[in-house]
């Protein structure tokens, strides 16, 4: 079933797939996530940069893991837990830590804005790398006009909205799991 947002994306000529690793590969995607986290940490130095919860939950690990899973279309906490067994990259990101369903949900609940910021940066970067040439991208020209007739121009999605939608899907998936 195609949602209205997906129909608009298809009509306007851009598509961000559920699994961004199709465009980048898993290693490159993780590299982009780590760069996004570094960028966020640099911007928030001096303020409380993260998280509630216990230090053993390793906030950087949790942020990396959830951003990676949401960027690859894995939303439900139970699916993330299963991916630790079956996906080598997810297992690597967990660093041999056991992250149960309550820990994943709690981290998402208390750090939703941080996850959204990080995911939006990753979505934007993947879109730029996939659809923009180094010299021919309206997004790359800071402050320059966006010209619809630009060769190869594709309208940019709203990355923050897309990130929020992915987090909302995760909440929905976990809520539906509790209903069964």
C-alpha atoms as a PDB file:
ATOM      1  CA  UNK A   1       0.000   0.000   0.000  1.00  0.00           C
ATOM      2  CA  UNK A   2       1.457   3.347  -1.056  1.00  0.00           C
ATOM      3  CA  UNK A   3       1.061   6.221   1.394  1.00  0.00           C
ATOM      4  CA  UNK A   4       0.352   9.774   0.313  1.00  0.00           C
ATOM      5  CA  UNK A   5       3.918  10.792   1.180  1.00  0.00           C
ATOM      6  CA  UNK A   6       5.314   7.950  -0.947  1.00  0.00           C
ATOM      7  CA  UNK A   7       3.037   8.907  -3.835  1.00  0.00           C
ATOM      8  CA  UNK A   8       4.246  12.513  -3.632  1.00  0.00           C
ATOM      9  CA  UNK A   9       7.859  11.320  -3.545  1.00  0.00           C
ATOM     10  CA  UNK A  10       7.328   9.123  -6.598  1.00  0.00           C
ATOM     11  CA  UNK A  11       5.438  11.874  -8.443  1.00  0.00           C
ATOM     12  CA  UNK A  12       8.111  14.470  -7.667  1.00  0.00           C
ATOM     13  CA  UNK A  13      10.891  12.187  -8.828  1.00  0.00           C
ATOM     14  CA  UNK A  14      12.732  11.227  -5.664  1.00  0.00           C
ATOM     15  CA  UNK A  15      12.573   8.098  -3.635  1.00  0.00           C
ATOM     16  CA  UNK A  16      14.273   7.329  -0.356  1.00  0.00           C
ATOM     17  CA  UNK A  17      13.985   3.591   0.082  1.00  0.00           C
ATOM     18  CA  UNK A  18      13.227   2.027   3.437  1.00  0.00           C
ATOM     19  CA  UNK A  19      16.698   0.465   3.376  1.00  0.00           C
ATOM     20  CA  UNK A  20      19.263   3.154   2.604  1.00  0.00           C
ATOM     21  CA  UNK A  21      22.048   0.573   2.450  1.00  0.00           C
ATOM     22  CA  UNK A  22      20.777  -0.277  -1.042  1.00  0.00           C
ATOM     23  CA  UNK A  23      22.232   3.061  -2.141  1.00  0.00           C
ATOM     24  CA  UNK A  24      25.335   3.173   0.056  1.00  0.00           C
ATOM     25  CA  UNK A  25      26.238  -0.231   1.357  1.00  0.00           C
ATOM     26  CA  UNK A  26      26.161  -1.040   5.054  1.00  0.00           C
ATOM     27  CA  UNK A  27      29.729   0.017   5.884  1.00  0.00           C
ATOM     28  CA  UNK A  28      29.323   3.387   4.195  1.00  0.00           C
ATOM     29  CA  UNK A  29      25.981   3.895   5.913  1.00  0.00           C
ATOM     30  CA  UNK A  30      27.551   3.221   9.328  1.00  0.00           C
ATOM     31  CA  UNK A  31      30.353   5.644   8.478  1.00  0.00           C
ATOM     32  CA  UNK A  32      27.759   8.332   7.661  1.00  0.00           C
ATOM     33  CA  UNK A  33      25.954   7.633  10.945  1.00  0.00           C
ATOM     34  CA  UNK A  34      29.168   7.965  12.953  1.00  0.00           C
ATOM     35  CA  UNK A  35      29.960  11.242  11.166  1.00  0.00           C
ATOM     36  CA  UNK A  36      26.454  12.506  11.940  1.00  0.00           C
ATOM     37  CA  UNK A  37      26.882  11.640  15.624  1.00  0.00           C
ATOM     38  CA  UNK A  38      30.232  13.458  15.715  1.00  0.00           C
ATOM     39  CA  UNK A  39      28.575  16.479  14.090  1.00  0.00           C
ATOM     40  CA  UNK A  40      25.757  16.442  16.639  1.00  0.00           C
ATOM     41  CA  UNK A  41      28.213  16.097  19.530  1.00  0.00           C
ATOM     42  CA  UNK A  42      30.244  19.034  18.230  1.00  0.00           C
ATOM     43  CA  UNK A  43      27.119  21.194  17.976  1.00  0.00           C
ATOM     44  CA  UNK A  44      25.901  20.278  21.460  1.00  0.00           C
ATOM     45  CA  UNK A  45      29.180  20.473  23.387  1.00  0.00           C
ATOM     46  CA  UNK A  46      28.657  22.457  26.524  1.00  0.00           C
ATOM     47  CA  UNK A  47      24.992  21.410  26.839  1.00  0.00           C
ATOM     48  CA  UNK A  48      23.692  18.119  28.083  1.00  0.00           C
ATOM     49  CA  UNK A  49      24.343  16.272  24.852  1.00  0.00           C
ATOM     50  CA  UNK A  50      22.333  13.200  25.636  1.00  0.00           C
ATOM     51  CA  UNK A  51      20.316  10.792  27.414  1.00  0.00           C
ATOM     52  CA  UNK A  52      18.641   9.776  30.473  1.00  0.00           C
ATOM     53  CA  UNK A  53      19.188   6.353  31.805  1.00  0.00           C
ATOM     54  CA  UNK A  54      22.085   4.421  33.126  1.00  0.00           C
ATOM     55  CA  UNK A  55      25.640   4.741  31.806  1.00  0.00           C
ATOM     56  CA  UNK A  56      25.879   1.010  31.137  1.00  0.00           C
ATOM     57  CA  UNK A  57      23.320   1.478  28.368  1.00  0.00           C
ATOM     58  CA  UNK A  58      26.032   3.236  26.336  1.00  0.00           C
ATOM     59  CA  UNK A  59      24.153   6.116  24.706  1.00  0.00           C
ATOM     60  CA  UNK A  60      26.495   6.416  21.705  1.00  0.00           C
ATOM     61  CA  UNK A  61      26.086   2.713  20.974  1.00  0.00           C
ATOM     62  CA  UNK A  62      22.286   2.939  21.285  1.00  0.00           C
ATOM     63  CA  UNK A  63      22.101   6.045  19.090  1.00  0.00           C
ATOM     64  CA  UNK A  64      24.250   4.400  16.425  1.00  0.00           C
ATOM     65  CA  UNK A  65      22.268   1.174  16.552  1.00  0.00           C
ATOM     66  CA  UNK A  66      18.810   2.752  16.382  1.00  0.00           C
ATOM     67  CA  UNK A  67      19.824   5.205  13.664  1.00  0.00           C
ATOM     68  CA  UNK A  68      21.272   2.336  11.632  1.00  0.00           C
ATOM     69  CA  UNK A  69      18.192   0.152  12.097  1.00  0.00           C
ATOM     70  CA  UNK A  70      15.755   2.940  11.208  1.00  0.00           C
ATOM     71  CA  UNK A  71      17.898   3.840   8.193  1.00  0.00           C
ATOM     72  CA  UNK A  72      17.742   0.233   6.998  1.00  0.00           C
ATOM     73  CA  UNK A  73      13.998  -0.176   7.524  1.00  0.00           C
ATOM     74  CA  UNK A  74      14.114  -2.217  10.737  1.00  0.00           C
ATOM     75  CA  UNK A  75      11.706  -0.522  13.118  1.00  0.00           C
ATOM     76  CA  UNK A  76      10.302  -2.924  15.705  1.00  0.00           C
ATOM     77  CA  UNK A  77      12.447  -3.471  18.783  1.00  0.00           C
ATOM     78  CA  UNK A  78      11.840  -7.216  18.482  1.00  0.00           C
ATOM     79  CA  UNK A  79      13.169  -7.113  14.907  1.00  0.00           C
ATOM     80  CA  UNK A  80      16.226  -5.178  16.058  1.00  0.00           C
ATOM     81  CA  UNK A  81      16.824  -7.821  18.704  1.00  0.00           C
ATOM     82  CA  UNK A  82      16.522 -10.544  16.033  1.00  0.00           C
ATOM     83  CA  UNK A  83      18.846  -8.643  13.701  1.00  0.00           C
ATOM     84  CA  UNK A  84      21.586  -8.904  16.327  1.00  0.00           C
ATOM     85  CA  UNK A  85      21.584 -12.634  15.636  1.00  0.00           C
ATOM     86  CA  UNK A  86      21.245 -12.555  11.863  1.00  0.00           C
ATOM     87  CA  UNK A  87      22.781  -9.313  10.582  1.00  0.00           C
ATOM     88  CA  UNK A  88      26.566  -9.086  11.042  1.00  0.00           C
ATOM     89  CA  UNK A  89      26.551  -5.261  10.953  1.00  0.00           C
ATOM     90  CA  UNK A  90      23.893  -5.004  13.665  1.00  0.00           C
ATOM     91  CA  UNK A  91      25.820  -7.518  15.769  1.00  0.00           C
ATOM     92  CA  UNK A  92      28.987  -5.462  15.271  1.00  0.00           C
ATOM     93  CA  UNK A  93      27.202  -2.253  16.305  1.00  0.00           C
ATOM     94  CA  UNK A  94      25.970  -3.889  19.518  1.00  0.00           C
ATOM     95  CA  UNK A  95      29.579  -4.567  20.517  1.00  0.00           C
ATOM     96  CA  UNK A  96      28.635  -7.815  22.248  1.00  0.00           C
ATOM     97  CA  UNK A  97      26.153  -6.023  24.498  1.00  0.00           C
ATOM     98  CA  UNK A  98      22.744  -7.511  25.112  1.00  0.00           C
ATOM     99  CA  UNK A  99      20.114  -4.901  24.396  1.00  0.00           C
ATOM    100  CA  UNK A 100      16.662  -6.074  25.344  1.00  0.00           C
ATOM    101  CA  UNK A 101      13.346  -4.704  24.162  1.00  0.00           C
ATOM    102  CA  UNK A 102      12.804  -2.460  27.214  1.00  0.00           C
ATOM    103  CA  UNK A 103      16.242  -0.861  26.814  1.00  0.00           C
ATOM    104  CA  UNK A 104      15.625  -0.072  23.134  1.00  0.00           C
ATOM    105  CA  UNK A 105      12.183   1.390  23.831  1.00  0.00           C
ATOM    106  CA  UNK A 106      13.406   3.408  26.806  1.00  0.00           C
ATOM    107  CA  UNK A 107      16.282   4.884  24.843  1.00  0.00           C
ATOM    108  CA  UNK A 108      13.983   5.846  21.966  1.00  0.00           C
ATOM    109  CA  UNK A 109      11.473   7.385  24.383  1.00  0.00           C
ATOM    110  CA  UNK A 110      14.001   9.591  26.171  1.00  0.00           C
ATOM    111  CA  UNK A 111      16.194  10.422  23.164  1.00  0.00           C
ATOM    112  CA  UNK A 112      13.684  10.752  20.348  1.00  0.00           C
ATOM    113  CA  UNK A 113      14.851  14.232  19.312  1.00  0.00           C
ATOM    114  CA  UNK A 114      18.481  13.151  19.246  1.00  0.00           C
ATOM    115  CA  UNK A 115      17.652  10.103  17.095  1.00  0.00           C
ATOM    116  CA  UNK A 116      15.568  12.297  14.781  1.00  0.00           C
ATOM    117  CA  UNK A 117      18.399  14.813  14.348  1.00  0.00           C
ATOM    118  CA  UNK A 118      20.947  12.102  13.622  1.00  0.00           C
ATOM    119  CA  UNK A 119      18.656  10.243  11.228  1.00  0.00           C
ATOM    120  CA  UNK A 120      17.774  13.460   9.370  1.00  0.00           C
ATOM    121  CA  UNK A 121      21.479  14.203   8.844  1.00  0.00           C
ATOM    122  CA  UNK A 122      22.047  10.670   7.527  1.00  0.00           C
ATOM    123  CA  UNK A 123      19.008  10.824   5.225  1.00  0.00           C
ATOM    124  CA  UNK A 124      20.176  14.142   3.815  1.00  0.00           C
ATOM    125  CA  UNK A 125      23.724  12.903   3.286  1.00  0.00           C
ATOM    126  CA  UNK A 126      22.569   9.707   1.559  1.00  0.00           C
ATOM    127  CA  UNK A 127      20.260  11.737  -0.679  1.00  0.00           C
ATOM    128  CA  UNK A 128      23.082  14.157  -1.573  1.00  0.00           C
ATOM    129  CA  UNK A 129      25.514  11.331  -2.322  1.00  0.00           C
ATOM    130  CA  UNK A 130      22.954   9.413  -4.360  1.00  0.00           C
ATOM    131  CA  UNK A 131      21.256  12.176  -6.316  1.00  0.00           C
ATOM    132  CA  UNK A 132      23.694  15.095  -6.443  1.00  0.00           C
ATOM    133  CA  UNK A 133      26.906  15.330  -8.380  1.00  0.00           C
ATOM    134  CA  UNK A 134      29.773  17.122  -6.686  1.00  0.00           C
ATOM    135  CA  UNK A 135      29.392  20.151  -8.986  1.00  0.00           C
ATOM    136  CA  UNK A 136      25.715  19.938  -9.841  1.00  0.00           C
ATOM    137  CA  UNK A 137      23.555  19.981  -6.739  1.00  0.00           C
ATOM    138  CA  UNK A 138      21.200  22.745  -5.648  1.00  0.00           C
ATOM    139  CA  UNK A 139      21.631  21.643  -2.006  1.00  0.00           C
ATOM    140  CA  UNK A 140      25.399  22.003  -2.207  1.00  0.00           C
ATOM    141  CA  UNK A 141      25.151  25.685  -3.137  1.00  0.00           C
ATOM    142  CA  UNK A 142      24.694  27.228   0.288  1.00  0.00           C
ATOM    143  CA  UNK A 143      22.220  30.056   0.102  1.00  0.00           C
ATOM    144  CA  UNK A 144      21.964  29.833  -3.671  1.00  0.00           C
ATOM    145  CA  UNK A 145      18.622  29.707  -5.427  1.00  0.00           C
ATOM    146  CA  UNK A 146      17.057  26.346  -6.112  1.00  0.00           C
ATOM    147  CA  UNK A 147      16.203  26.322  -9.796  1.00  0.00           C
ATOM    148  CA  UNK A 148      13.672  23.686 -10.937  1.00  0.00           C
ATOM    149  CA  UNK A 149      15.154  23.689 -14.439  1.00  0.00           C
ATOM    150  CA  UNK A 150      18.610  22.775 -13.108  1.00  0.00           C
ATOM    151  CA  UNK A 151      20.052  19.815 -15.038  1.00  0.00           C
ATOM    152  CA  UNK A 152      19.374  16.633 -13.119  1.00  0.00           C
ATOM    153  CA  UNK A 153      17.465  18.568 -10.455  1.00  0.00           C
ATOM    154  CA  UNK A 154      15.321  16.564  -8.070  1.00  0.00           C
ATOM    155  CA  UNK A 155      13.296  18.192  -5.313  1.00  0.00           C
ATOM    156  CA  UNK A 156      14.801  17.524  -1.909  1.00  0.00           C
ATOM    157  CA  UNK A 157      12.652  15.630   0.552  1.00  0.00           C
ATOM    158  CA  UNK A 158      12.031  17.037   4.008  1.00  0.00           C
ATOM    159  CA  UNK A 159      14.607  14.992   5.880  1.00  0.00           C
ATOM    160  CA  UNK A 160      13.361  15.895   9.357  1.00  0.00           C
ATOM    161  CA  UNK A 161       9.823  14.795   8.443  1.00  0.00           C
ATOM    162  CA  UNK A 162      11.161  11.571   6.924  1.00  0.00           C
ATOM    163  CA  UNK A 163      13.183  10.894  10.093  1.00  0.00           C
ATOM    164  CA  UNK A 164      10.122  11.552  12.255  1.00  0.00           C
ATOM    165  CA  UNK A 165       8.046   9.189  10.100  1.00  0.00           C
ATOM    166  CA  UNK A 166      10.610   6.419  10.545  1.00  0.00           C
ATOM    167  CA  UNK A 167      10.622   6.879  14.317  1.00  0.00           C
ATOM    168  CA  UNK A 168       6.817   6.904  14.302  1.00  0.00           C
ATOM    169  CA  UNK A 169       6.862   3.585  12.409  1.00  0.00           C
ATOM    170  CA  UNK A 170       9.099   2.172  15.135  1.00  0.00           C
ATOM    171  CA  UNK A 171       6.689   3.318  17.847  1.00  0.00           C
ATOM    172  CA  UNK A 172       3.759   1.860  15.895  1.00  0.00           C
ATOM    173  CA  UNK A 173       5.539  -1.444  15.386  1.00  0.00           C
ATOM    174  CA  UNK A 174       6.300  -1.742  19.090  1.00  0.00           C
ATOM    175  CA  UNK A 175       2.757  -0.721  20.040  1.00  0.00           C
ATOM    176  CA  UNK A 176       1.244  -3.298  17.696  1.00  0.00           C
ATOM    177  CA  UNK A 177       3.527  -5.964  19.144  1.00  0.00           C
ATOM    178  CA  UNK A 178       2.175  -5.202  22.614  1.00  0.00           C
ATOM    179  CA  UNK A 179      -1.407  -5.600  21.362  1.00  0.00           C
ATOM    180  CA  UNK A 180      -0.882  -9.240  20.387  1.00  0.00           C
END
